Amino acid sequence: MYSMGGNREATRLAGVRVNGVVVGVYSLSGAFAGLAGVMLASELLAGAPTVGTTQALDSITAVILGVRR
């Protein structure tokens, strides 16, 4: 993933199937997000569409702070 972020063409020329890796990473990300949703619903013993609405600012802040090491 790190090499694909730098140069996808060079990664492809190195023999990595770029499209397969991208599909795999998105699939894993979706599966983990679904698992997190199931775990959150089981913890709360209910499902509500407004749960986690305040998490967007926290996640954006974490990404910004993580980039500025």
PDB file of N, CA and C in Angstrom:
ATOM      1  N   MET A   1       0.830  -1.181   0.000  1.00  0.00           N
ATOM      2  CA  MET A   1       0.000   0.000   0.000  1.00  0.00           C
ATOM      3  C   MET A   1       0.877   1.248   0.000  1.00  0.00           C
ATOM      4  N   TYR A   2       1.964   1.204   0.729  1.00  0.00           N
ATOM      5  CA  TYR A   2       2.834   2.373   0.808  1.00  0.00           C
ATOM      6  C   TYR A   2       3.429   2.690  -0.563  1.00  0.00           C
ATOM      7  N   SER A   3       3.863   1.682  -1.278  1.00  0.00           N
ATOM      8  CA  SER A   3       4.465   1.926  -2.589  1.00  0.00           C
ATOM      9  C   SER A   3       3.425   2.394  -3.598  1.00  0.00           C
ATOM     10  N   MET A   4       2.186   1.929  -3.472  1.00  0.00           N
ATOM     11  CA  MET A   4       1.139   2.363  -4.397  1.00  0.00           C
ATOM     12  C   MET A   4       0.786   3.818  -4.164  1.00  0.00           C
ATOM     13  N   GLY A   5       0.900   4.283  -2.945  1.00  0.00           N
ATOM     14  CA  GLY A   5       0.621   5.688  -2.670  1.00  0.00           C
ATOM     15  C   GLY A   5       1.667   6.592  -3.283  1.00  0.00           C
ATOM     16  N   GLY A   6       2.878   6.091  -3.414  1.00  0.00           N
ATOM     17  CA  GLY A   6       3.943   6.892  -3.997  1.00  0.00           C
ATOM     18  C   GLY A   6       3.872   6.929  -5.508  1.00  0.00           C
ATOM     19  N   ASN A   7       3.730   5.750  -6.125  1.00  0.00           N
ATOM     20  CA  ASN A   7       3.717   5.682  -7.583  1.00  0.00           C
ATOM     21  C   ASN A   7       3.085   4.363  -7.996  1.00  0.00           C
ATOM     22  N   ARG A   8       1.862   4.423  -8.437  1.00  0.00           N
ATOM     23  CA  ARG A   8       1.130   3.206  -8.808  1.00  0.00           C
ATOM     24  C   ARG A   8       1.744   2.521 -10.018  1.00  0.00           C
ATOM     25  N   GLU A   9       2.234   3.309 -10.956  1.00  0.00           N
ATOM     26  CA  GLU A   9       2.813   2.723 -12.166  1.00  0.00           C
ATOM     27  C   GLU A   9       4.090   1.965 -11.829  1.00  0.00           C
ATOM     28  N   ALA A  10       4.932   2.533 -10.991  1.00  0.00           N
ATOM     29  CA  ALA A  10       6.164   1.845 -10.600  1.00  0.00           C
ATOM     30  C   ALA A  10       5.848   0.576  -9.820  1.00  0.00           C
ATOM     31  N   THR A  11       4.824   0.631  -9.003  1.00  0.00           N
ATOM     32  CA  THR A  11       4.414  -0.553  -8.248  1.00  0.00           C
ATOM     33  C   THR A  11       3.923  -1.637  -9.196  1.00  0.00           C
ATOM     34  N   ARG A  12       3.154  -1.246 -10.205  1.00  0.00           N
ATOM     35  CA  ARG A  12       2.677  -2.208 -11.190  1.00  0.00           C
ATOM     36  C   ARG A  12       3.841  -2.818 -11.955  1.00  0.00           C
ATOM     37  N   LEU A  13       4.827  -1.989 -12.323  1.00  0.00           N
ATOM     38  CA  LEU A  13       5.987  -2.502 -13.048  1.00  0.00           C
ATOM     39  C   LEU A  13       6.858  -3.406 -12.176  1.00  0.00           C
ATOM     40  N   ALA A  14       6.765  -3.262 -10.858  1.00  0.00           N
ATOM     41  CA  ALA A  14       7.510  -4.124  -9.936  1.00  0.00           C
ATOM     42  C   ALA A  14       6.851  -5.490  -9.786  1.00  0.00           C
ATOM     43  N   GLY A  15       5.673  -5.663 -10.356  1.00  0.00           N
ATOM     44  CA  GLY A  15       5.029  -6.965 -10.345  1.00  0.00           C
ATOM     45  C   GLY A  15       3.875  -7.104  -9.373  1.00  0.00           C
ATOM     46  N   VAL A  16       3.469  -6.016  -8.755  1.00  0.00           N
ATOM     47  CA  VAL A  16       2.351  -6.066  -7.804  1.00  0.00           C
ATOM     48  C   VAL A  16       1.066  -5.821  -8.579  1.00  0.00           C
ATOM     49  N   ARG A  17       0.061  -6.661  -8.329  1.00  0.00           N
ATOM     50  CA  ARG A  17      -1.237  -6.444  -8.969  1.00  0.00           C
ATOM     51  C   ARG A  17      -1.963  -5.333  -8.222  1.00  0.00           C
ATOM     52  N   VAL A  18      -1.844  -4.118  -8.703  1.00  0.00           N
ATOM     53  CA  VAL A  18      -2.336  -2.927  -8.014  1.00  0.00           C
ATOM     54  C   VAL A  18      -3.847  -2.980  -7.826  1.00  0.00           C
ATOM     55  N   ASN A  19      -4.578  -3.329  -8.865  1.00  0.00           N
ATOM     56  CA  ASN A  19      -6.037  -3.348  -8.753  1.00  0.00           C
ATOM     57  C   ASN A  19      -6.499  -4.389  -7.739  1.00  0.00           C
ATOM     58  N   GLY A  20      -5.842  -5.531  -7.707  1.00  0.00           N
ATOM     59  CA  GLY A  20      -6.201  -6.568  -6.747  1.00  0.00           C
ATOM     60  C   GLY A  20      -5.940  -6.124  -5.308  1.00  0.00           C
ATOM     61  N   VAL A  21      -4.840  -5.438  -5.102  1.00  0.00           N
ATOM     62  CA  VAL A  21      -4.517  -4.951  -3.759  1.00  0.00           C
ATOM     63  C   VAL A  21      -5.516  -3.888  -3.325  1.00  0.00           C
ATOM     64  N   VAL A  22      -5.881  -2.998  -4.227  1.00  0.00           N
ATOM     65  CA  VAL A  22      -6.841  -1.943  -3.893  1.00  0.00           C
ATOM     66  C   VAL A  22      -8.198  -2.547  -3.542  1.00  0.00           C
ATOM     67  N   VAL A  23      -8.656  -3.498  -4.322  1.00  0.00           N
ATOM     68  CA  VAL A  23      -9.935  -4.151  -4.034  1.00  0.00           C
ATOM     69  C   VAL A  23      -9.865  -4.879  -2.693  1.00  0.00           C
ATOM     70  N   GLY A  24      -8.762  -5.539  -2.432  1.00  0.00           N
ATOM     71  CA  GLY A  24      -8.600  -6.239  -1.167  1.00  0.00           C
ATOM     72  C   GLY A  24      -8.604  -5.311   0.032  1.00  0.00           C
ATOM     73  N   VAL A  25      -7.925  -4.194  -0.095  1.00  0.00           N
ATOM     74  CA  VAL A  25      -7.861  -3.238   1.011  1.00  0.00           C
ATOM     75  C   VAL A  25      -9.231  -2.618   1.264  1.00  0.00           C
ATOM     76  N   TYR A  26      -9.941  -2.265   0.210  1.00  0.00           N
ATOM     77  CA  TYR A  26     -11.288  -1.714   0.399  1.00  0.00           C
ATOM     78  C   TYR A  26     -12.233  -2.759   0.997  1.00  0.00           C
ATOM     79  N   SER A  27     -12.073  -4.005   0.584  1.00  0.00           N
ATOM     80  CA  SER A  27     -12.913  -5.070   1.142  1.00  0.00           C
ATOM     81  C   SER A  27     -12.644  -5.261   2.630  1.00  0.00           C
ATOM     82  N   LEU A  28     -11.379  -5.298   3.004  1.00  0.00           N
ATOM     83  CA  LEU A  28     -11.035  -5.422   4.419  1.00  0.00           C
ATOM     84  C   LEU A  28     -11.536  -4.232   5.228  1.00  0.00           C
ATOM     85  N   SER A  29     -11.408  -3.051   4.665  1.00  0.00           N
ATOM     86  CA  SER A  29     -11.877  -1.853   5.357  1.00  0.00           C
ATOM     87  C   SER A  29     -13.384  -1.913   5.586  1.00  0.00           C
ATOM     88  N   GLY A  30     -14.122  -2.341   4.581  1.00  0.00           N
ATOM     89  CA  GLY A  30     -15.568  -2.473   4.731  1.00  0.00           C
ATOM     90  C   GLY A  30     -15.952  -3.539   5.738  1.00  0.00           C
ATOM     91  N   ALA A  31     -15.218  -4.642   5.726  1.00  0.00           N
ATOM     92  CA  ALA A  31     -15.507  -5.715   6.681  1.00  0.00           C
ATOM     93  C   ALA A  31     -15.236  -5.265   8.112  1.00  0.00           C
ATOM     94  N   PHE A  32     -14.138  -4.578   8.324  1.00  0.00           N
ATOM     95  CA  PHE A  32     -13.832  -4.082   9.666  1.00  0.00           C
ATOM     96  C   PHE A  32     -14.821  -3.011  10.115  1.00  0.00           C
ATOM     97  N   ALA A  33     -15.279  -2.167   9.196  1.00  0.00           N
ATOM     98  CA  ALA A  33     -16.288  -1.166   9.557  1.00  0.00           C
ATOM     99  C   ALA A  33     -17.598  -1.846   9.943  1.00  0.00           C
ATOM    100  N   GLY A  34     -17.971  -2.887   9.205  1.00  0.00           N
ATOM    101  CA  GLY A  34     -19.176  -3.640   9.561  1.00  0.00           C
ATOM    102  C   GLY A  34     -19.047  -4.322  10.901  1.00  0.00           C
ATOM    103  N   LEU A  35     -17.875  -4.898  11.160  1.00  0.00           N
ATOM    104  CA  LEU A  35     -17.625  -5.536  12.452  1.00  0.00           C
ATOM    105  C   LEU A  35     -17.692  -4.509  13.588  1.00  0.00           C
ATOM    106  N   ALA A  36     -17.150  -3.333  13.358  1.00  0.00           N
ATOM    107  CA  ALA A  36     -17.216  -2.283  14.379  1.00  0.00           C
ATOM    108  C   ALA A  36     -18.659  -1.866  14.638  1.00  0.00           C
ATOM    109  N   GLY A  37     -19.469  -1.812  13.597  1.00  0.00           N
ATOM    110  CA  GLY A  37     -20.881  -1.480  13.779  1.00  0.00           C
ATOM    111  C   GLY A  37     -21.625  -2.535  14.573  1.00  0.00           C
ATOM    112  N   VAL A  38     -21.333  -3.797  14.297  1.00  0.00           N
ATOM    113  CA  VAL A  38     -21.969  -4.882  15.042  1.00  0.00           C
ATOM    114  C   VAL A  38     -21.536  -4.845  16.505  1.00  0.00           C
ATOM    115  N   MET A  39     -20.262  -4.598  16.744  1.00  0.00           N
ATOM    116  CA  MET A  39     -19.777  -4.529  18.127  1.00  0.00           C
ATOM    117  C   MET A  39     -20.393  -3.350  18.872  1.00  0.00           C
ATOM    118  N   LEU A  40     -20.533  -2.206  18.198  1.00  0.00           N
ATOM    119  CA  LEU A  40     -21.141  -1.047  18.837  1.00  0.00           C
ATOM    120  C   LEU A  40     -22.602  -1.311  19.150  1.00  0.00           C
ATOM    121  N   ALA A  41     -23.323  -1.925  18.222  1.00  0.00           N
ATOM    122  CA  ALA A  41     -24.736  -2.220  18.463  1.00  0.00           C
ATOM    123  C   ALA A  41     -24.902  -3.239  19.590  1.00  0.00           C
ATOM    124  N   SER A  42     -23.995  -4.198  19.670  1.00  0.00           N
ATOM    125  CA  SER A  42     -24.110  -5.179  20.740  1.00  0.00           C
ATOM    126  C   SER A  42     -23.760  -4.578  22.100  1.00  0.00           C
ATOM    127  N   GLU A  43     -22.887  -3.604  22.105  1.00  0.00           N
ATOM    128  CA  GLU A  43     -22.538  -2.939  23.363  1.00  0.00           C
ATOM    129  C   GLU A  43     -23.697  -2.079  23.866  1.00  0.00           C
ATOM    130  N   LEU A  44     -24.367  -1.417  22.945  1.00  0.00           N
ATOM    131  CA  LEU A  44     -25.477  -0.537  23.321  1.00  0.00           C
ATOM    132  C   LEU A  44     -26.793  -1.296  23.446  1.00  0.00           C
ATOM    133  N   LEU A  45     -26.829  -2.533  22.981  1.00  0.00           N
ATOM    134  CA  LEU A  45     -28.043  -3.362  22.956  1.00  0.00           C
ATOM    135  C   LEU A  45     -29.164  -2.720  22.144  1.00  0.00           C
ATOM    136  N   ALA A  46     -28.778  -1.869  21.202  1.00  0.00           N
ATOM    137  CA  ALA A  46     -29.755  -1.217  20.329  1.00  0.00           C
ATOM    138  C   ALA A  46     -29.012  -0.639  19.130  1.00  0.00           C
ATOM    139  N   GLY A  47     -29.746  -0.349  18.114  1.00  0.00           N
ATOM    140  CA  GLY A  47     -29.176   0.319  16.959  1.00  0.00           C
ATOM    141  C   GLY A  47     -29.857   1.658  16.771  1.00  0.00           C
ATOM    142  N   ALA A  48     -29.087   2.707  16.657  1.00  0.00           N
ATOM    143  CA  ALA A  48     -29.652   4.038  16.468  1.00  0.00           C
ATOM    144  C   ALA A  48     -28.862   4.750  15.367  1.00  0.00           C
ATOM    145  N   PRO A  49     -29.539   5.436  14.473  1.00  0.00           N
ATOM    146  CA  PRO A  49     -28.825   6.095  13.377  1.00  0.00           C
ATOM    147  C   PRO A  49     -27.994   7.293  13.818  1.00  0.00           C
ATOM    148  N   THR A  50     -28.202   7.790  15.011  1.00  0.00           N
ATOM    149  CA  THR A  50     -27.455   8.963  15.459  1.00  0.00           C
ATOM    150  C   THR A  50     -26.225   8.610  16.282  1.00  0.00           C
ATOM    151  N   VAL A  51     -25.985   7.329  16.524  1.00  0.00           N
ATOM    152  CA  VAL A  51     -24.815   6.917  17.297  1.00  0.00           C
ATOM    153  C   VAL A  51     -23.560   7.161  16.465  1.00  0.00           C
ATOM    154  N   GLY A  52     -22.588   7.822  17.037  1.00  0.00           N
ATOM    155  CA  GLY A  52     -21.321   8.055  16.362  1.00  0.00           C
ATOM    156  C   GLY A  52     -21.269   9.294  15.509  1.00  0.00           C
ATOM    157  N   THR A  53     -22.266  10.159  15.574  1.00  0.00           N
ATOM    158  CA  THR A  53     -22.243  11.363  14.736  1.00  0.00           C
ATOM    159  C   THR A  53     -21.153  12.329  15.171  1.00  0.00           C
ATOM    160  N   THR A  54     -20.732  12.260  16.413  1.00  0.00           N
ATOM    161  CA  THR A  54     -19.675  13.161  16.874  1.00  0.00           C
ATOM    162  C   THR A  54     -18.290  12.597  16.599  1.00  0.00           C
ATOM    163  N   GLN A  55     -18.195  11.394  16.072  1.00  0.00           N
ATOM    164  CA  GLN A  55     -16.905  10.769  15.818  1.00  0.00           C
ATOM    165  C   GLN A  55     -16.205  11.345  14.589  1.00  0.00           C
ATOM    166  N   ALA A  56     -16.918  12.043  13.720  1.00  0.00           N
ATOM    167  CA  ALA A  56     -16.309  12.564  12.496  1.00  0.00           C
ATOM    168  C   ALA A  56     -15.207  13.569  12.818  1.00  0.00           C
ATOM    169  N   LEU A  57     -15.463  14.486  13.714  1.00  0.00           N
ATOM    170  CA  LEU A  57     -14.461  15.482  14.069  1.00  0.00           C
ATOM    171  C   LEU A  57     -13.252  14.828  14.726  1.00  0.00           C
ATOM    172  N   ASP A  58     -13.479  13.841  15.564  1.00  0.00           N
ATOM    173  CA  ASP A  58     -12.372  13.137  16.212  1.00  0.00           C
ATOM    174  C   ASP A  58     -11.494  12.422  15.191  1.00  0.00           C
ATOM    175  N   SER A  59     -12.112  11.779  14.220  1.00  0.00           N
ATOM    176  CA  SER A  59     -11.328  11.044  13.231  1.00  0.00           C
ATOM    177  C   SER A  59     -10.572  11.989  12.307  1.00  0.00           C
ATOM    178  N   ILE A  60     -11.171  13.100  11.936  1.00  0.00           N
ATOM    179  CA  ILE A  60     -10.473  14.083  11.099  1.00  0.00           C
ATOM    180  C   ILE A  60      -9.294  14.669  11.855  1.00  0.00           C
ATOM    181  N   THR A  61      -9.481  14.963  13.128  1.00  0.00           N
ATOM    182  CA  THR A  61      -8.392  15.491  13.949  1.00  0.00           C
ATOM    183  C   THR A  61      -7.264  14.482  14.062  1.00  0.00           C
ATOM    184  N   ALA A  62      -7.588  13.218  14.227  1.00  0.00           N
ATOM    185  CA  ALA A  62      -6.571  12.174  14.324  1.00  0.00           C
ATOM    186  C   ALA A  62      -5.777  12.068  13.031  1.00  0.00           C
ATOM    187  N   VAL A  63      -6.450  12.202  11.899  1.00  0.00           N
ATOM    188  CA  VAL A  63      -5.737  12.128  10.607  1.00  0.00           C
ATOM    189  C   VAL A  63      -4.808  13.316  10.455  1.00  0.00           C
ATOM    190  N   ILE A  64      -5.271  14.502  10.796  1.00  0.00           N
ATOM    191  CA  ILE A  64      -4.431  15.699  10.662  1.00  0.00           C
ATOM    192  C   ILE A  64      -3.225  15.627  11.585  1.00  0.00           C
ATOM    193  N   LEU A  65      -3.438  15.228  12.830  1.00  0.00           N
ATOM    194  CA  LEU A  65      -2.332  15.127  13.773  1.00  0.00           C
ATOM    195  C   LEU A  65      -1.371  13.997  13.397  1.00  0.00           C
ATOM    196  N   GLY A  66      -1.896  12.945  12.809  1.00  0.00           N
ATOM    197  CA  GLY A  66      -1.046  11.840  12.396  1.00  0.00           C
ATOM    198  C   GLY A  66      -0.142  12.196  11.231  1.00  0.00           C
ATOM    199  N   VAL A  67      -0.600  13.092  10.368  1.00  0.00           N
ATOM    200  CA  VAL A  67       0.195  13.504   9.214  1.00  0.00           C
ATOM    201  C   VAL A  67       1.315  14.425   9.666  1.00  0.00           C
ATOM    202  N   ARG A  68       1.076  15.237  10.644  1.00  0.00           N
ATOM    203  CA  ARG A  68       2.079  16.204  11.111  1.00  0.00           C
ATOM    204  C   ARG A  68       2.895  15.636  12.245  1.00  0.00           C
ATOM    205  N   ARG A  69       3.696  14.666  11.960  1.00  0.00           N
ATOM    206  CA  ARG A  69       4.520  14.040  13.008  1.00  0.00           C
ATOM    207  C   ARG A  69       5.547  14.960  13.516  1.00  0.00           C
TER     208      ARG A  69
END
